[in-house]
Amino acid sequence: MLLALLCLMAYQVTGEALHEWIGVGMTVMLIVHHLLNIRWYKALFKGKYNAYRILSTVTNTLLLCSIALTAFCGMSMSSHAVPFLYGMANTVFARTTHLALSFWSFALMGFHLGLHLPAILARCKPNKAVKIVCTAAFTVTACLGLWLFIRNGIPGYMFFRMHFAFFDYEKTAAQVFLENIAIESFFAFLGAGAVHLARLLNKKAGKKRQNPTSAG
């Protein structure tokens, strides 16, 4: 789904028809993904919620809603993949919402990936030198992503200040994808940082339960 989303964000590379078909494919993958993880829904109202579980649940919920509404609005404007669904929603509403939420989906997907990066890194068990190099490269890429995020005016799209997408068709396909990967890395960096903060809060809460003290 991440690869599909990177392709969807490269509209000037794929063109309209392929953009729609990739969108339909991602929608199908999203449905299958959630069917395979049905146990997650069954466990929503079970057990206790610590800082990490709250963070993960909120992120997953927002990501699902954002992608679902983006897909709905996209299909409401379809001319190639599912033209029989054209007009499900008002065209102006669909265009504006699709544009804004596509960037929110992109950001939340990166943040969601970042939530899992510490666990992935722990499984790989890299040595100290590799870990330092990877962390440094990740940090530099994330900083570049933040700069591109601001330079490309993405906040304006996300907060409904820009109602039409402006694409630079002079950029090569490689440049478009590399920029999108860098921007996605920025949000993944935020997600990994949020995991670290959540773990600190969990440890702090655990210590308080183990060593309760009376307020003087």
C-alpha atoms as a PDB file:
ATOM      1  CA  MET A   1       0.000   0.000   0.000  1.00  0.00           C
ATOM      2  CA  LEU A   2       2.895   2.339   0.697  1.00  0.00           C
ATOM      3  CA  LEU A   3       4.292   1.759  -2.793  1.00  0.00           C
ATOM      4  CA  ALA A   4       0.841   2.295  -4.276  1.00  0.00           C
ATOM      5  CA  LEU A   5       0.456   5.541  -2.349  1.00  0.00           C
ATOM      6  CA  LEU A   6       3.845   6.778  -3.575  1.00  0.00           C
ATOM      7  CA  CYS A   7       2.656   6.130  -7.131  1.00  0.00           C
ATOM      8  CA  LEU A   8      -0.655   7.891  -6.457  1.00  0.00           C
ATOM      9  CA  MET A   9       1.197  10.957  -5.201  1.00  0.00           C
ATOM     10  CA  ALA A  10       3.156  11.028  -8.493  1.00  0.00           C
ATOM     11  CA  TYR A  11       0.176  12.042 -10.641  1.00  0.00           C
ATOM     12  CA  GLN A  12       2.341  13.947 -13.115  1.00  0.00           C
ATOM     13  CA  VAL A  13       4.248  10.708 -13.770  1.00  0.00           C
ATOM     14  CA  THR A  14       1.398   8.201 -13.970  1.00  0.00           C
ATOM     15  CA  GLY A  15      -1.253  10.294 -15.700  1.00  0.00           C
ATOM     16  CA  GLU A  16      -4.993  10.273 -15.003  1.00  0.00           C
ATOM     17  CA  ALA A  17      -5.985   6.790 -16.184  1.00  0.00           C
ATOM     18  CA  LEU A  18      -3.193   4.909 -14.397  1.00  0.00           C
ATOM     19  CA  HIS A  19      -3.723   7.099 -11.320  1.00  0.00           C
ATOM     20  CA  GLU A  20      -7.338   5.919 -11.131  1.00  0.00           C
ATOM     21  CA  TRP A  21      -6.470   2.244 -11.591  1.00  0.00           C
ATOM     22  CA  ILE A  22      -3.768   2.390  -8.928  1.00  0.00           C
ATOM     23  CA  GLY A  23      -6.301   4.058  -6.638  1.00  0.00           C
ATOM     24  CA  VAL A  24      -8.783   1.222  -7.190  1.00  0.00           C
ATOM     25  CA  GLY A  25      -6.027  -1.305  -6.555  1.00  0.00           C
ATOM     26  CA  MET A  26      -5.059   0.409  -3.312  1.00  0.00           C
ATOM     27  CA  THR A  27      -8.688   0.462  -2.194  1.00  0.00           C
ATOM     28  CA  VAL A  28      -8.880  -3.299  -2.734  1.00  0.00           C
ATOM     29  CA  MET A  29      -5.617  -3.796  -0.819  1.00  0.00           C
ATOM     30  CA  LEU A  30      -6.955  -1.655   2.027  1.00  0.00           C
ATOM     31  CA  ILE A  31     -10.098  -3.789   2.304  1.00  0.00           C
ATOM     32  CA  VAL A  32      -8.078  -7.033   2.244  1.00  0.00           C
ATOM     33  CA  HIS A  33      -5.597  -5.638   4.779  1.00  0.00           C
ATOM     34  CA  HIS A  34      -8.347  -4.859   7.272  1.00  0.00           C
ATOM     35  CA  LEU A  35     -10.091  -8.173   6.723  1.00  0.00           C
ATOM     36  CA  LEU A  36      -6.817  -9.953   7.503  1.00  0.00           C
ATOM     37  CA  ASN A  37      -6.473  -7.855  10.661  1.00  0.00           C
ATOM     38  CA  ILE A  38     -10.038  -8.283  11.888  1.00  0.00           C
ATOM     39  CA  ARG A  39      -8.698  -9.384  15.283  1.00  0.00           C
ATOM     40  CA  TRP A  40      -7.455  -5.834  15.825  1.00  0.00           C
ATOM     41  CA  TYR A  41     -11.056  -4.581  15.705  1.00  0.00           C
ATOM     42  CA  LYS A  42     -12.234  -7.316  18.075  1.00  0.00           C
ATOM     43  CA  ALA A  43      -9.607  -6.272  20.620  1.00  0.00           C
ATOM     44  CA  LEU A  44     -10.399  -2.554  20.501  1.00  0.00           C
ATOM     45  CA  PHE A  45     -12.559  -2.612  23.635  1.00  0.00           C
ATOM     46  CA  LYS A  46     -10.455  -5.165  25.503  1.00  0.00           C
ATOM     47  CA  GLY A  47      -7.496  -4.613  27.777  1.00  0.00           C
ATOM     48  CA  LYS A  48      -5.922  -1.417  29.017  1.00  0.00           C
ATOM     49  CA  TYR A  49      -4.782   1.491  26.889  1.00  0.00           C
ATOM     50  CA  ASN A  50      -1.295   2.803  27.530  1.00  0.00           C
ATOM     51  CA  ALA A  51       0.291   5.747  25.703  1.00  0.00           C
ATOM     52  CA  TYR A  52       1.529   3.637  22.780  1.00  0.00           C
ATOM     53  CA  ARG A  53      -1.777   1.831  22.274  1.00  0.00           C
ATOM     54  CA  ILE A  54      -3.686   5.116  22.272  1.00  0.00           C
ATOM     55  CA  LEU A  55      -1.234   6.596  19.755  1.00  0.00           C
ATOM     56  CA  SER A  56      -1.438   3.548  17.506  1.00  0.00           C
ATOM     57  CA  THR A  57      -5.229   3.297  17.658  1.00  0.00           C
ATOM     58  CA  VAL A  58      -5.783   6.978  16.899  1.00  0.00           C
ATOM     59  CA  THR A  59      -3.293   6.868  14.003  1.00  0.00           C
ATOM     60  CA  ASN A  60      -4.832   3.724  12.502  1.00  0.00           C
ATOM     61  CA  THR A  61      -8.347   5.130  12.787  1.00  0.00           C
ATOM     62  CA  LEU A  62      -7.443   8.464  11.201  1.00  0.00           C
ATOM     63  CA  LEU A  63      -5.510   6.728   8.416  1.00  0.00           C
ATOM     64  CA  LEU A  64      -8.413   4.403   7.621  1.00  0.00           C
ATOM     65  CA  CYS A  65     -10.930   7.257   7.532  1.00  0.00           C
ATOM     66  CA  SER A  66      -8.637   9.452   5.460  1.00  0.00           C
ATOM     67  CA  ILE A  67      -7.864   6.819   2.812  1.00  0.00           C
ATOM     68  CA  ALA A  68     -11.488   5.629   2.659  1.00  0.00           C
ATOM     69  CA  LEU A  69     -12.827   9.146   2.088  1.00  0.00           C
ATOM     70  CA  THR A  70     -10.051   9.899  -0.406  1.00  0.00           C
ATOM     71  CA  ALA A  71     -11.001   6.772  -2.353  1.00  0.00           C
ATOM     72  CA  PHE A  72     -14.707   7.618  -2.225  1.00  0.00           C
ATOM     73  CA  CYS A  73     -14.104  11.128  -3.565  1.00  0.00           C
ATOM     74  CA  GLY A  74     -11.707   9.840  -6.214  1.00  0.00           C
ATOM     75  CA  MET A  75     -14.209   7.294  -7.498  1.00  0.00           C
ATOM     76  CA  SER A  76     -16.855  10.013  -7.539  1.00  0.00           C
ATOM     77  CA  MET A  77     -14.748  11.778 -10.178  1.00  0.00           C
ATOM     78  CA  SER A  78     -13.612   8.675 -12.095  1.00  0.00           C
ATOM     79  CA  SER A  79     -13.507   8.831 -15.878  1.00  0.00           C
ATOM     80  CA  HIS A  80     -11.517   5.656 -16.595  1.00  0.00           C
ATOM     81  CA  ALA A  81     -11.477   2.970 -13.881  1.00  0.00           C
ATOM     82  CA  VAL A  82     -14.999   3.142 -12.446  1.00  0.00           C
ATOM     83  CA  PRO A  83     -16.901   5.744 -14.524  1.00  0.00           C
ATOM     84  CA  PHE A  84     -20.234   4.268 -13.418  1.00  0.00           C
ATOM     85  CA  LEU A  85     -19.537   5.698  -9.928  1.00  0.00           C
ATOM     86  CA  TYR A  86     -19.072   9.232 -11.260  1.00  0.00           C
ATOM     87  CA  GLY A  87     -21.286  11.725  -9.448  1.00  0.00           C
ATOM     88  CA  MET A  88     -21.648   9.836  -6.141  1.00  0.00           C
ATOM     89  CA  ALA A  89     -20.615  13.098  -4.491  1.00  0.00           C
ATOM     90  CA  ASN A  90     -20.732  16.727  -5.546  1.00  0.00           C
ATOM     91  CA  THR A  91     -17.820  17.344  -7.907  1.00  0.00           C
ATOM     92  CA  VAL A  92     -16.533  20.467  -6.135  1.00  0.00           C
ATOM     93  CA  PHE A  93     -16.678  18.741  -2.739  1.00  0.00           C
ATOM     94  CA  ALA A  94     -15.083  15.581  -4.147  1.00  0.00           C
ATOM     95  CA  ARG A  95     -12.220  17.447  -5.842  1.00  0.00           C
ATOM     96  CA  THR A  96     -11.409  19.619  -2.820  1.00  0.00           C
ATOM     97  CA  THR A  97     -11.683  16.797  -0.287  1.00  0.00           C
ATOM     98  CA  HIS A  98      -9.773  14.312  -2.451  1.00  0.00           C
ATOM     99  CA  LEU A  99      -6.891  16.759  -2.841  1.00  0.00           C
ATOM    100  CA  ALA A 100      -6.612  17.602   0.869  1.00  0.00           C
ATOM    101  CA  LEU A 101      -7.128  14.094   2.224  1.00  0.00           C
ATOM    102  CA  SER A 102      -4.706  12.532  -0.244  1.00  0.00           C
ATOM    103  CA  PHE A 103      -1.948  14.505   1.465  1.00  0.00           C
ATOM    104  CA  TRP A 104      -3.314  13.645   4.912  1.00  0.00           C
ATOM    105  CA  SER A 105      -3.316   9.971   3.918  1.00  0.00           C
ATOM    106  CA  PHE A 106       0.255  10.345   2.704  1.00  0.00           C
ATOM    107  CA  ALA A 107       1.328  11.951   5.982  1.00  0.00           C
ATOM    108  CA  LEU A 108      -0.527   9.468   8.174  1.00  0.00           C
ATOM    109  CA  MET A 109       0.850   6.515   6.201  1.00  0.00           C
ATOM    110  CA  GLY A 110       4.380   7.765   6.890  1.00  0.00           C
ATOM    111  CA  PHE A 111       3.582   8.346  10.566  1.00  0.00           C
ATOM    112  CA  HIS A 112       2.050   4.848  10.754  1.00  0.00           C
ATOM    113  CA  LEU A 113       5.221   3.390   9.235  1.00  0.00           C
ATOM    114  CA  GLY A 114       7.284   5.286  11.790  1.00  0.00           C
ATOM    115  CA  LEU A 115       5.335   3.697  14.631  1.00  0.00           C
ATOM    116  CA  HIS A 116       6.613   0.288  13.488  1.00  0.00           C
ATOM    117  CA  LEU A 117      10.199   1.282  12.645  1.00  0.00           C
ATOM    118  CA  PRO A 118      11.650   0.739  16.170  1.00  0.00           C
ATOM    119  CA  ALA A 119      10.208  -2.790  16.264  1.00  0.00           C
ATOM    120  CA  ILE A 120      11.537  -3.530  12.764  1.00  0.00           C
ATOM    121  CA  LEU A 121      14.966  -2.220  13.718  1.00  0.00           C
ATOM    122  CA  ALA A 122      14.960  -4.317  16.903  1.00  0.00           C
ATOM    123  CA  ARG A 123      14.265  -7.485  14.893  1.00  0.00           C
ATOM    124  CA  CYS A 124      17.110  -6.743  12.480  1.00  0.00           C
ATOM    125  CA  LYS A 125      19.529  -6.384  15.432  1.00  0.00           C
ATOM    126  CA  PRO A 126      22.075  -4.134  13.677  1.00  0.00           C
ATOM    127  CA  ASN A 127      25.426  -3.490  15.310  1.00  0.00           C
ATOM    128  CA  LYS A 128      26.194  -0.095  16.828  1.00  0.00           C
ATOM    129  CA  ALA A 129      28.002   1.303  13.773  1.00  0.00           C
ATOM    130  CA  VAL A 130      25.212   0.326  11.362  1.00  0.00           C
ATOM    131  CA  LYS A 131      22.617   1.738  13.730  1.00  0.00           C
ATOM    132  CA  ILE A 132      24.443   5.083  13.924  1.00  0.00           C
ATOM    133  CA  VAL A 133      24.802   5.326  10.138  1.00  0.00           C
ATOM    134  CA  CYS A 134      21.143   4.408   9.534  1.00  0.00           C
ATOM    135  CA  THR A 135      19.952   6.875  12.171  1.00  0.00           C
ATOM    136  CA  ALA A 136      22.067   9.663  10.702  1.00  0.00           C
ATOM    137  CA  ALA A 137      20.862   8.945   7.147  1.00  0.00           C
ATOM    138  CA  PHE A 138      17.254   8.766   8.324  1.00  0.00           C
ATOM    139  CA  THR A 139      17.584  12.095  10.170  1.00  0.00           C
ATOM    140  CA  VAL A 140      19.149  13.862   7.173  1.00  0.00           C
ATOM    141  CA  THR A 141      16.477  12.470   4.831  1.00  0.00           C
ATOM    142  CA  ALA A 142      13.726  13.534   7.229  1.00  0.00           C
ATOM    143  CA  CYS A 143      15.135  17.077   7.392  1.00  0.00           C
ATOM    144  CA  LEU A 144      15.213  17.199   3.593  1.00  0.00           C
ATOM    145  CA  GLY A 145      11.633  15.910   3.595  1.00  0.00           C
ATOM    146  CA  LEU A 146      10.533  18.698   5.939  1.00  0.00           C
ATOM    147  CA  TRP A 147      12.108  21.289   3.643  1.00  0.00           C
ATOM    148  CA  LEU A 148      10.393  19.778   0.583  1.00  0.00           C
ATOM    149  CA  PHE A 149       7.107  19.542   2.485  1.00  0.00           C
ATOM    150  CA  ILE A 150       7.197  23.301   3.096  1.00  0.00           C
ATOM    151  CA  ARG A 151       8.723  24.291  -0.270  1.00  0.00           C
ATOM    152  CA  ASN A 152       6.129  22.345  -2.249  1.00  0.00           C
ATOM    153  CA  GLY A 153       3.303  24.071  -0.390  1.00  0.00           C
ATOM    154  CA  ILE A 154       1.800  20.838   0.958  1.00  0.00           C
ATOM    155  CA  PRO A 155       0.401  22.449   4.153  1.00  0.00           C
ATOM    156  CA  GLY A 156      -1.745  24.632   1.905  1.00  0.00           C
ATOM    157  CA  TYR A 157      -3.307  21.537   0.336  1.00  0.00           C
ATOM    158  CA  MET A 158      -3.790  19.758   3.657  1.00  0.00           C
ATOM    159  CA  PHE A 159      -5.628  22.662   5.277  1.00  0.00           C
ATOM    160  CA  PHE A 160      -7.877  23.402   2.276  1.00  0.00           C
ATOM    161  CA  ARG A 161      -6.136  26.657   1.359  1.00  0.00           C
ATOM    162  CA  MET A 162      -5.277  25.334  -2.106  1.00  0.00           C
ATOM    163  CA  HIS A 163      -8.173  23.920  -4.105  1.00  0.00           C
ATOM    164  CA  PHE A 164      -6.311  22.902  -7.253  1.00  0.00           C
ATOM    165  CA  ALA A 165      -3.170  20.796  -7.573  1.00  0.00           C
ATOM    166  CA  PHE A 166      -0.164  22.316  -9.299  1.00  0.00           C
ATOM    167  CA  PHE A 167       2.258  19.775 -10.778  1.00  0.00           C
ATOM    168  CA  ASP A 168       5.757  20.449 -12.042  1.00  0.00           C
ATOM    169  CA  TYR A 169       5.908  18.430 -15.251  1.00  0.00           C
ATOM    170  CA  GLU A 170       9.545  19.407 -15.774  1.00  0.00           C
ATOM    171  CA  LYS A 171      10.628  17.105 -12.948  1.00  0.00           C
ATOM    172  CA  THR A 172      11.793  13.644 -13.924  1.00  0.00           C
ATOM    173  CA  ALA A 173       9.976  10.566 -12.596  1.00  0.00           C
ATOM    174  CA  ALA A 174      12.991   9.748 -10.410  1.00  0.00           C
ATOM    175  CA  GLN A 175      12.976  13.237  -8.915  1.00  0.00           C
ATOM    176  CA  VAL A 176       9.249  13.076  -8.132  1.00  0.00           C
ATOM    177  CA  PHE A 177       9.535   9.711  -6.399  1.00  0.00           C
ATOM    178  CA  LEU A 178      12.679  10.644  -4.475  1.00  0.00           C
ATOM    179  CA  GLU A 179      11.060  13.842  -3.209  1.00  0.00           C
ATOM    180  CA  ASN A 180       7.951  11.938  -2.131  1.00  0.00           C
ATOM    181  CA  ILE A 181      10.102   9.342  -0.355  1.00  0.00           C
ATOM    182  CA  ALA A 182      11.954  12.104   1.485  1.00  0.00           C
ATOM    183  CA  ILE A 183       8.685  13.739   2.568  1.00  0.00           C
ATOM    184  CA  GLU A 184       7.328  10.364   3.672  1.00  0.00           C
ATOM    185  CA  SER A 185      10.542   9.849   5.657  1.00  0.00           C
ATOM    186  CA  PHE A 186       9.859  13.071   7.538  1.00  0.00           C
ATOM    187  CA  PHE A 187       6.508  11.762   8.765  1.00  0.00           C
ATOM    188  CA  ALA A 188       8.032   8.354   9.530  1.00  0.00           C
ATOM    189  CA  PHE A 189      10.644  10.195  11.599  1.00  0.00           C
ATOM    190  CA  LEU A 190       7.860  11.895  13.544  1.00  0.00           C
ATOM    191  CA  GLY A 191       6.172   8.528  14.089  1.00  0.00           C
ATOM    192  CA  ALA A 192       9.377   6.925  15.385  1.00  0.00           C
ATOM    193  CA  GLY A 193       9.877   9.881  17.727  1.00  0.00           C
ATOM    194  CA  ALA A 194       6.304   9.546  18.967  1.00  0.00           C
ATOM    195  CA  VAL A 195       6.944   5.860  19.773  1.00  0.00           C
ATOM    196  CA  HIS A 196       9.995   6.818  21.811  1.00  0.00           C
ATOM    197  CA  LEU A 197       7.969   9.404  23.735  1.00  0.00           C
ATOM    198  CA  ALA A 198       5.116   6.930  24.319  1.00  0.00           C
ATOM    199  CA  ARG A 199       7.542   4.360  25.707  1.00  0.00           C
ATOM    200  CA  LEU A 200       8.981   6.928  28.086  1.00  0.00           C
ATOM    201  CA  LEU A 201       5.470   7.748  29.306  1.00  0.00           C
ATOM    202  CA  ASN A 202       4.705   4.053  29.740  1.00  0.00           C
ATOM    203  CA  LYS A 203       7.864   3.528  31.784  1.00  0.00           C
ATOM    204  CA  LYS A 204       7.096   6.552  33.910  1.00  0.00           C
ATOM    205  CA  ALA A 205       3.552   5.310  34.558  1.00  0.00           C
ATOM    206  CA  GLY A 206       4.892   1.825  35.379  1.00  0.00           C
ATOM    207  CA  LYS A 207       7.344   3.207  37.931  1.00  0.00           C
ATOM    208  CA  LYS A 208       4.579   5.197  39.602  1.00  0.00           C
ATOM    209  CA  ARG A 209       2.468   2.057  39.962  1.00  0.00           C
ATOM    210  CA  GLN A 210       5.391   0.076  41.372  1.00  0.00           C
ATOM    211  CA  ASN A 211       6.539   2.814  43.760  1.00  0.00           C
ATOM    212  CA  PRO A 212       3.481   4.804  44.798  1.00  0.00           C
ATOM    213  CA  THR A 213       4.326   7.821  46.951  1.00  0.00           C
ATOM    214  CA  SER A 214       2.061  10.064  48.887  1.00  0.00           C
ATOM    215  CA  ALA A 215       1.917  13.682  47.887  1.00  0.00           C
ATOM    216  CA  GLY A 216       3.621  15.625  50.619  1.00  0.00           C
END
